Amino acid sequence: MKNYEVVREVLDPCGHEPQGKDREILELRLEDPALYVQDQYRRERTVEFLTASRDGCPVIEAVLEGGRKHRYTFCEL
């Protein structure tokens, strides 16, 4: 398991940048960041996962019904 600083952002369907209340920073010990994100949305009827990398940190976006999008950035500590 690895320790990560996780930045969770809720993105506006209109494409506006997240504000303070739409951003959360967590420190988590995880085996696999992708499995963590998938587990957060197992009750959603439809969800699409997009992955990328920013500055060497994995970025996973969960795109939900209605264009709602949650972005998780995992930086190893």
PDB file of N, CA and C in Angstrom:
ATOM      1  N   MET A   1       0.839  -1.183   0.000  1.00  0.00           N
ATOM      2  CA  MET A   1       0.000   0.000   0.000  1.00  0.00           C
ATOM      3  C   MET A   1       0.880   1.241   0.000  1.00  0.00           C
ATOM      4  N   LYS A   2       0.356   2.279  -0.615  1.00  0.00           N
ATOM      5  CA  LYS A   2       1.090   3.539  -0.684  1.00  0.00           C
ATOM      6  C   LYS A   2       0.246   4.653  -0.072  1.00  0.00           C
ATOM      7  N   ASN A   3       0.927   5.682   0.411  1.00  0.00           N
ATOM      8  CA  ASN A   3       0.243   6.861   0.935  1.00  0.00           C
ATOM      9  C   ASN A   3       0.098   7.894  -0.180  1.00  0.00           C
ATOM     10  N   TYR A   4      -1.096   8.461  -0.287  1.00  0.00           N
ATOM     11  CA  TYR A   4      -1.381   9.456  -1.318  1.00  0.00           C
ATOM     12  C   TYR A   4      -2.029  10.684  -0.714  1.00  0.00           C
ATOM     13  N   GLU A   5      -1.713  11.832  -1.287  1.00  0.00           N
ATOM     14  CA  GLU A   5      -2.514  13.023  -1.085  1.00  0.00           C
ATOM     15  C   GLU A   5      -3.502  13.019  -2.249  1.00  0.00           C
ATOM     16  N   VAL A   6      -4.778  13.039  -1.939  1.00  0.00           N
ATOM     17  CA  VAL A   6      -5.820  12.948  -2.956  1.00  0.00           C
ATOM     18  C   VAL A   6      -6.586  14.261  -2.986  1.00  0.00           C
ATOM     19  N   VAL A   7      -6.633  14.883  -4.159  1.00  0.00           N
ATOM     20  CA  VAL A   7      -7.431  16.088  -4.342  1.00  0.00           C
ATOM     21  C   VAL A   7      -8.683  15.665  -5.098  1.00  0.00           C
ATOM     22  N   ARG A   8      -9.846  15.821  -4.455  1.00  0.00           N
ATOM     23  CA  ARG A   8     -11.127  15.470  -5.062  1.00  0.00           C
ATOM     24  C   ARG A   8     -11.838  16.763  -5.419  1.00  0.00           C
ATOM     25  N   GLU A   9     -12.167  16.916  -6.699  1.00  0.00           N
ATOM     26  CA  GLU A   9     -12.833  18.128  -7.180  1.00  0.00           C
ATOM     27  C   GLU A   9     -14.156  17.757  -7.842  1.00  0.00           C
ATOM     28  N   VAL A  10     -15.178  18.554  -7.556  1.00  0.00           N
ATOM     29  CA  VAL A  10     -16.472  18.390  -8.211  1.00  0.00           C
ATOM     30  C   VAL A  10     -16.538  19.471  -9.279  1.00  0.00           C
ATOM     31  N   LEU A  11     -16.626  19.038 -10.542  1.00  0.00           N
ATOM     32  CA  LEU A  11     -16.616  19.982 -11.653  1.00  0.00           C
ATOM     33  C   LEU A  11     -18.028  20.303 -12.095  1.00  0.00           C
ATOM     34  N   ASP A  12     -18.256  21.544 -12.373  1.00  0.00           N
ATOM     35  CA  ASP A  12     -19.533  22.052 -12.852  1.00  0.00           C
ATOM     36  C   ASP A  12     -19.785  21.542 -14.271  1.00  0.00           C
ATOM     37  N   PRO A  13     -20.994  21.061 -14.592  1.00  0.00           N
ATOM     38  CA  PRO A  13     -21.273  20.602 -15.963  1.00  0.00           C
ATOM     39  C   PRO A  13     -21.037  21.683 -17.021  1.00  0.00           C
ATOM     40  N   CYS A  14     -21.053  22.943 -16.610  1.00  0.00           N
ATOM     41  CA  CYS A  14     -20.826  24.043 -17.554  1.00  0.00           C
ATOM     42  C   CYS A  14     -19.339  24.299 -17.779  1.00  0.00           C
ATOM     43  N   GLY A  15     -18.482  23.586 -17.068  1.00  0.00           N
ATOM     44  CA  GLY A  15     -17.041  23.710 -17.287  1.00  0.00           C
ATOM     45  C   GLY A  15     -16.349  24.725 -16.410  1.00  0.00           C
ATOM     46  N   HIS A  16     -17.042  25.296 -15.411  1.00  0.00           N
ATOM     47  CA  HIS A  16     -16.404  26.261 -14.512  1.00  0.00           C
ATOM     48  C   HIS A  16     -15.425  25.546 -13.594  1.00  0.00           C
ATOM     49  N   GLU A  17     -14.380  26.246 -13.205  1.00  0.00           N
ATOM     50  CA  GLU A  17     -13.386  25.674 -12.299  1.00  0.00           C
ATOM     51  C   GLU A  17     -13.996  25.461 -10.920  1.00  0.00           C
ATOM     52  N   PRO A  18     -13.556  24.410 -10.208  1.00  0.00           N
ATOM     53  CA  PRO A  18     -14.087  24.140  -8.867  1.00  0.00           C
ATOM     54  C   PRO A  18     -13.764  25.267  -7.897  1.00  0.00           C
ATOM     55  N   GLN A  19     -14.712  25.559  -7.030  1.00  0.00           N
ATOM     56  CA  GLN A  19     -14.526  26.553  -5.980  1.00  0.00           C
ATOM     57  C   GLN A  19     -14.112  25.824  -4.706  1.00  0.00           C
ATOM     58  N   GLY A  20     -13.837  26.562  -3.642  1.00  0.00           N
ATOM     59  CA  GLY A  20     -13.372  25.973  -2.387  1.00  0.00           C
ATOM     60  C   GLY A  20     -14.261  24.867  -1.856  1.00  0.00           C
ATOM     61  N   LYS A  21     -15.571  25.059  -1.888  1.00  0.00           N
ATOM     62  CA  LYS A  21     -16.483  24.054  -1.348  1.00  0.00           C
ATOM     63  C   LYS A  21     -16.562  22.819  -2.249  1.00  0.00           C
ATOM     64  N   ASP A  22     -16.079  22.943  -3.481  1.00  0.00           N
ATOM     65  CA  ASP A  22     -16.108  21.840  -4.431  1.00  0.00           C
ATOM     66  C   ASP A  22     -14.786  21.090  -4.493  1.00  0.00           C
ATOM     67  N   ARG A  23     -13.904  21.368  -3.546  1.00  0.00           N
ATOM     68  CA  ARG A  23     -12.571  20.746  -3.539  1.00  0.00           C
ATOM     69  C   ARG A  23     -12.282  20.205  -2.135  1.00  0.00           C
ATOM     70  N   GLU A  24     -11.753  18.994  -2.090  1.00  0.00           N
ATOM     71  CA  GLU A  24     -11.445  18.349  -0.826  1.00  0.00           C
ATOM     72  C   GLU A  24     -10.069  17.702  -0.955  1.00  0.00           C
ATOM     73  N   ILE A  25      -9.254  17.825   0.083  1.00  0.00           N
ATOM     74  CA  ILE A  25      -7.931  17.209   0.080  1.00  0.00           C
ATOM     75  C   ILE A  25      -7.899  16.151   1.177  1.00  0.00           C
ATOM     76  N   LEU A  26      -7.537  14.931   0.792  1.00  0.00           N
ATOM     77  CA  LEU A  26      -7.512  13.798   1.710  1.00  0.00           C
ATOM     78  C   LEU A  26      -6.126  13.173   1.716  1.00  0.00           C
ATOM     79  N   GLU A  27      -5.779  12.509   2.794  1.00  0.00           N
ATOM     80  CA  GLU A  27      -4.566  11.706   2.833  1.00  0.00           C
ATOM     81  C   GLU A  27      -5.026  10.269   3.048  1.00  0.00           C
ATOM     82  N   LEU A  28      -4.754   9.403   2.059  1.00  0.00           N
ATOM     83  CA  LEU A  28      -5.247   8.031   2.091  1.00  0.00           C
ATOM     84  C   LEU A  28      -4.125   7.032   1.850  1.00  0.00           C
ATOM     85  N   ARG A  29      -4.290   5.869   2.423  1.00  0.00           N
ATOM     86  CA  ARG A  29      -3.377   4.742   2.191  1.00  0.00           C
ATOM     87  C   ARG A  29      -4.140   3.762   1.310  1.00  0.00           C
ATOM     88  N   LEU A  30      -3.662   3.573   0.072  1.00  0.00           N
ATOM     89  CA  LEU A  30      -4.402   2.796  -0.918  1.00  0.00           C
ATOM     90  C   LEU A  30      -3.511   1.770  -1.603  1.00  0.00           C
ATOM     91  N   GLU A  31      -4.138   0.682  -1.999  1.00  0.00           N
ATOM     92  CA  GLU A  31      -3.476  -0.328  -2.820  1.00  0.00           C
ATOM     93  C   GLU A  31      -3.504   0.098  -4.285  1.00  0.00           C
ATOM     94  N   ASP A  32      -4.691   0.567  -4.741  1.00  0.00           N
ATOM     95  CA  ASP A  32      -4.880   0.922  -6.154  1.00  0.00           C
ATOM     96  C   ASP A  32      -5.835   2.118  -6.259  1.00  0.00           C
ATOM     97  N   PRO A  33      -5.354   3.276  -6.690  1.00  0.00           N
ATOM     98  CA  PRO A  33      -6.220   4.454  -6.808  1.00  0.00           C
ATOM     99  C   PRO A  33      -7.443   4.229  -7.700  1.00  0.00           C
ATOM    100  N   ALA A  34      -7.286   3.499  -8.807  1.00  0.00           N
ATOM    101  CA  ALA A  34      -8.415   3.272  -9.717  1.00  0.00           C
ATOM    102  C   ALA A  34      -9.529   2.488  -9.030  1.00  0.00           C
ATOM    103  N   LEU A  35      -9.175   1.467  -8.259  1.00  0.00           N
ATOM    104  CA  LEU A  35     -10.181   0.691  -7.537  1.00  0.00           C
ATOM    105  C   LEU A  35     -10.882   1.537  -6.482  1.00  0.00           C
ATOM    106  N   TYR A  36     -10.135   2.437  -5.849  1.00  0.00           N
ATOM    107  CA  TYR A  36     -10.734   3.347  -4.862  1.00  0.00           C
ATOM    108  C   TYR A  36     -11.818   4.203  -5.515  1.00  0.00           C
ATOM    109  N   VAL A  37     -11.513   4.797  -6.665  1.00  0.00           N
ATOM    110  CA  VAL A  37     -12.485   5.665  -7.345  1.00  0.00           C
ATOM    111  C   VAL A  37     -13.691   4.849  -7.812  1.00  0.00           C
ATOM    112  N   GLN A  38     -13.454   3.694  -8.405  1.00  0.00           N
ATOM    113  CA  GLN A  38     -14.558   2.856  -8.864  1.00  0.00           C
ATOM    114  C   GLN A  38     -15.479   2.479  -7.713  1.00  0.00           C
ATOM    115  N   ASP A  39     -14.917   2.207  -6.557  1.00  0.00           N
ATOM    116  CA  ASP A  39     -15.710   1.837  -5.391  1.00  0.00           C
ATOM    117  C   ASP A  39     -16.612   2.988  -4.925  1.00  0.00           C
ATOM    118  N   GLN A  40     -16.162   4.225  -5.119  1.00  0.00           N
ATOM    119  CA  GLN A  40     -16.956   5.386  -4.706  1.00  0.00           C
ATOM    120  C   GLN A  40     -18.253   5.511  -5.503  1.00  0.00           C
ATOM    121  N   TYR A  41     -18.304   4.929  -6.687  1.00  0.00           N
ATOM    122  CA  TYR A  41     -19.443   5.121  -7.593  1.00  0.00           C
ATOM    123  C   TYR A  41     -20.148   3.812  -7.957  1.00  0.00           C
ATOM    124  N   ARG A  42     -19.995   2.795  -7.151  1.00  0.00           N
ATOM    125  CA  ARG A  42     -20.597   1.502  -7.483  1.00  0.00           C
ATOM    126  C   ARG A  42     -22.124   1.531  -7.465  1.00  0.00           C
ATOM    127  N   ARG A  43     -22.740   2.507  -6.827  1.00  0.00           N
ATOM    128  CA  ARG A  43     -24.201   2.597  -6.784  1.00  0.00           C
ATOM    129  C   ARG A  43     -24.787   3.465  -7.896  1.00  0.00           C
ATOM    130  N   GLU A  44     -23.943   4.098  -8.680  1.00  0.00           N
ATOM    131  CA  GLU A  44     -24.407   4.931  -9.796  1.00  0.00           C
ATOM    132  C   GLU A  44     -24.885   4.040 -10.935  1.00  0.00           C
ATOM    133  N   ARG A  45     -25.960   4.463 -11.595  1.00  0.00           N
ATOM    134  CA  ARG A  45     -26.470   3.670 -12.721  1.00  0.00           C
ATOM    135  C   ARG A  45     -25.520   3.704 -13.903  1.00  0.00           C
ATOM    136  N   THR A  46     -25.029   4.887 -14.236  1.00  0.00           N
ATOM    137  CA  THR A  46     -24.072   5.000 -15.332  1.00  0.00           C
ATOM    138  C   THR A  46     -22.912   5.892 -14.891  1.00  0.00           C
ATOM    139  N   VAL A  47     -21.728   5.428 -15.171  1.00  0.00           N
ATOM    140  CA  VAL A  47     -20.524   6.205 -14.865  1.00  0.00           C
ATOM    141  C   VAL A  47     -19.438   5.781 -15.842  1.00  0.00           C
ATOM    142  N   GLU A  48     -18.689   6.768 -16.301  1.00  0.00           N
ATOM    143  CA  GLU A  48     -17.561   6.511 -17.201  1.00  0.00           C
ATOM    144  C   GLU A  48     -16.311   7.029 -16.507  1.00  0.00           C
ATOM    145  N   PHE A  49     -15.248   6.245 -16.554  1.00  0.00           N
ATOM    146  CA  PHE A  49     -13.995   6.639 -15.908  1.00  0.00           C
ATOM    147  C   PHE A  49     -12.971   7.011 -16.967  1.00  0.00           C
ATOM    148  N   LEU A  50     -12.348   8.174 -16.787  1.00  0.00           N
ATOM    149  CA  LEU A  50     -11.299   8.656 -17.680  1.00  0.00           C
ATOM    150  C   LEU A  50     -10.016   8.762 -16.865  1.00  0.00           C
ATOM    151  N   THR A  51      -8.905   8.341 -17.435  1.00  0.00           N
ATOM    152  CA  THR A  51      -7.637   8.413 -16.711  1.00  0.00           C
ATOM    153  C   THR A  51      -6.620   9.217 -17.500  1.00  0.00           C
ATOM    154  N   ALA A  52      -5.754   9.883 -16.769  1.00  0.00           N
ATOM    155  CA  ALA A  52      -4.678  10.679 -17.359  1.00  0.00           C
ATOM    156  C   ALA A  52      -3.577  10.783 -16.309  1.00  0.00           C
ATOM    157  N   SER A  53      -2.595  11.599 -16.593  1.00  0.00           N
ATOM    158  CA  SER A  53      -1.513  11.848 -15.653  1.00  0.00           C
ATOM    159  C   SER A  53      -1.155  13.328 -15.720  1.00  0.00           C
ATOM    160  N   ARG A  54      -0.928  13.922 -14.557  1.00  0.00           N
ATOM    161  CA  ARG A  54      -0.532  15.331 -14.489  1.00  0.00           C
ATOM    162  C   ARG A  54       0.669  15.427 -13.562  1.00  0.00           C
ATOM    163  N   ASP A  55       1.787  15.870 -14.089  1.00  0.00           N
ATOM    164  CA  ASP A  55       3.030  15.996 -13.313  1.00  0.00           C
ATOM    165  C   ASP A  55       3.409  14.685 -12.627  1.00  0.00           C
ATOM    166  N   GLY A  56       3.178  13.558 -13.301  1.00  0.00           N
ATOM    167  CA  GLY A  56       3.516  12.257 -12.761  1.00  0.00           C
ATOM    168  C   GLY A  56       2.510  11.683 -11.775  1.00  0.00           C
ATOM    169  N   CYS A  57       1.424  12.405 -11.543  1.00  0.00           N
ATOM    170  CA  CYS A  57       0.387  11.941 -10.618  1.00  0.00           C
ATOM    171  C   CYS A  57      -0.814  11.428 -11.405  1.00  0.00           C
ATOM    172  N   PRO A  58      -1.332  10.251 -11.059  1.00  0.00           N
ATOM    173  CA  PRO A  58      -2.522   9.749 -11.744  1.00  0.00           C
ATOM    174  C   PRO A  58      -3.732  10.655 -11.497  1.00  0.00           C
ATOM    175  N   VAL A  59      -4.508  10.887 -12.552  1.00  0.00           N
ATOM    176  CA  VAL A  59      -5.741  11.667 -12.471  1.00  0.00           C
ATOM    177  C   VAL A  59      -6.858  10.790 -13.017  1.00  0.00           C
ATOM    178  N   ILE A  60      -7.908  10.617 -12.221  1.00  0.00           N
ATOM    179  CA  ILE A  60      -9.045   9.803 -12.632  1.00  0.00           C
ATOM    180  C   ILE A  60     -10.301  10.659 -12.518  1.00  0.00           C
ATOM    181  N   GLU A  61     -11.068  10.721 -13.611  1.00  0.00           N
ATOM    182  CA  GLU A  61     -12.325  11.463 -13.608  1.00  0.00           C
ATOM    183  C   GLU A  61     -13.475  10.481 -13.709  1.00  0.00           C
ATOM    184  N   ALA A  62     -14.497  10.703 -12.896  1.00  0.00           N
ATOM    185  CA  ALA A  62     -15.737   9.937 -12.956  1.00  0.00           C
ATOM    186  C   ALA A  62     -16.786  10.847 -13.578  1.00  0.00           C
ATOM    187  N   VAL A  63     -17.278  10.463 -14.744  1.00  0.00           N
ATOM    188  CA  VAL A  63     -18.292  11.254 -15.447  1.00  0.00           C
ATOM    189  C   VAL A  63     -19.635  10.576 -15.201  1.00  0.00           C
ATOM    190  N   LEU A  64     -20.546  11.313 -14.555  1.00  0.00           N
ATOM    191  CA  LEU A  64     -21.832  10.772 -14.150  1.00  0.00           C
ATOM    192  C   LEU A  64     -22.948  11.296 -15.038  1.00  0.00           C
ATOM    193  N   GLU A  65     -24.154  10.791 -14.810  1.00  0.00           N
ATOM    194  CA  GLU A  65     -25.323  11.243 -15.567  1.00  0.00           C
ATOM    195  C   GLU A  65     -25.469  12.762 -15.466  1.00  0.00           C
ATOM    196  N   GLY A  66     -25.951  13.372 -16.518  1.00  0.00           N
ATOM    197  CA  GLY A  66     -26.184  14.813 -16.515  1.00  0.00           C
ATOM    198  C   GLY A  66     -24.926  15.645 -16.644  1.00  0.00           C
ATOM    199  N   GLY A  67     -23.800  15.003 -16.962  1.00  0.00           N
ATOM    200  CA  GLY A  67     -22.566  15.751 -17.151  1.00  0.00           C
ATOM    201  C   GLY A  67     -21.817  16.052 -15.874  1.00  0.00           C
ATOM    202  N   ARG A  68     -22.308  15.562 -14.745  1.00  0.00           N
ATOM    203  CA  ARG A  68     -21.573  15.770 -13.491  1.00  0.00           C
ATOM    204  C   ARG A  68     -20.237  15.044 -13.592  1.00  0.00           C
ATOM    205  N   LYS A  69     -19.190  15.687 -13.088  1.00  0.00           N
ATOM    206  CA  LYS A  69     -17.853  15.104 -13.186  1.00  0.00           C
ATOM    207  C   LYS A  69     -17.106  15.322 -11.876  1.00  0.00           C
ATOM    208  N   HIS A  70     -16.474  14.259 -11.394  1.00  0.00           N
ATOM    209  CA  HIS A  70     -15.633  14.330 -10.208  1.00  0.00           C
ATOM    210  C   HIS A  70     -14.227  13.934 -10.619  1.00  0.00           C
ATOM    211  N   ARG A  71     -13.256  14.760 -10.246  1.00  0.00           N
ATOM    212  CA  ARG A  71     -11.859  14.507 -10.609  1.00  0.00           C
ATOM    213  C   ARG A  71     -11.055  14.186  -9.349  1.00  0.00           C
ATOM    214  N   TYR A  72     -10.268  13.123  -9.421  1.00  0.00           N
ATOM    215  CA  TYR A  72      -9.388  12.705  -8.325  1.00  0.00           C
ATOM    216  C   TYR A  72      -7.956  12.755  -8.826  1.00  0.00           C
ATOM    217  N   THR A  73      -7.103  13.490  -8.109  1.00  0.00           N
ATOM    218  CA  THR A  73      -5.680  13.552  -8.437  1.00  0.00           C
ATOM    219  C   THR A  73      -4.925  12.908  -7.273  1.00  0.00           C
ATOM    220  N   PHE A  74      -4.125  11.900  -7.577  1.00  0.00           N
ATOM    221  CA  PHE A  74      -3.398  11.125  -6.570  1.00  0.00           C
ATOM    222  C   PHE A  74      -1.905  11.437  -6.655  1.00  0.00           C
ATOM    223  N   CYS A  75      -1.352  12.046  -5.608  1.00  0.00           N
ATOM    224  CA  CYS A  75       0.081  12.312  -5.559  1.00  0.00           C
ATOM    225  C   CYS A  75       0.671  11.488  -4.408  1.00  0.00           C
ATOM    226  N   GLU A  76       1.634  10.675  -4.768  1.00  0.00           N
ATOM    227  CA  GLU A  76       2.247   9.808  -3.764  1.00  0.00           C
ATOM    228  C   GLU A  76       3.057  10.624  -2.776  1.00  0.00           C
ATOM    229  N   LEU A  77       2.902  10.315  -1.500  1.00  0.00           N
ATOM    230  CA  LEU A  77       3.635  11.032  -0.436  1.00  0.00           C
ATOM    231  C   LEU A  77       4.944  10.336  -0.133  1.00  0.00           C
TER     232      LEU A  77
END
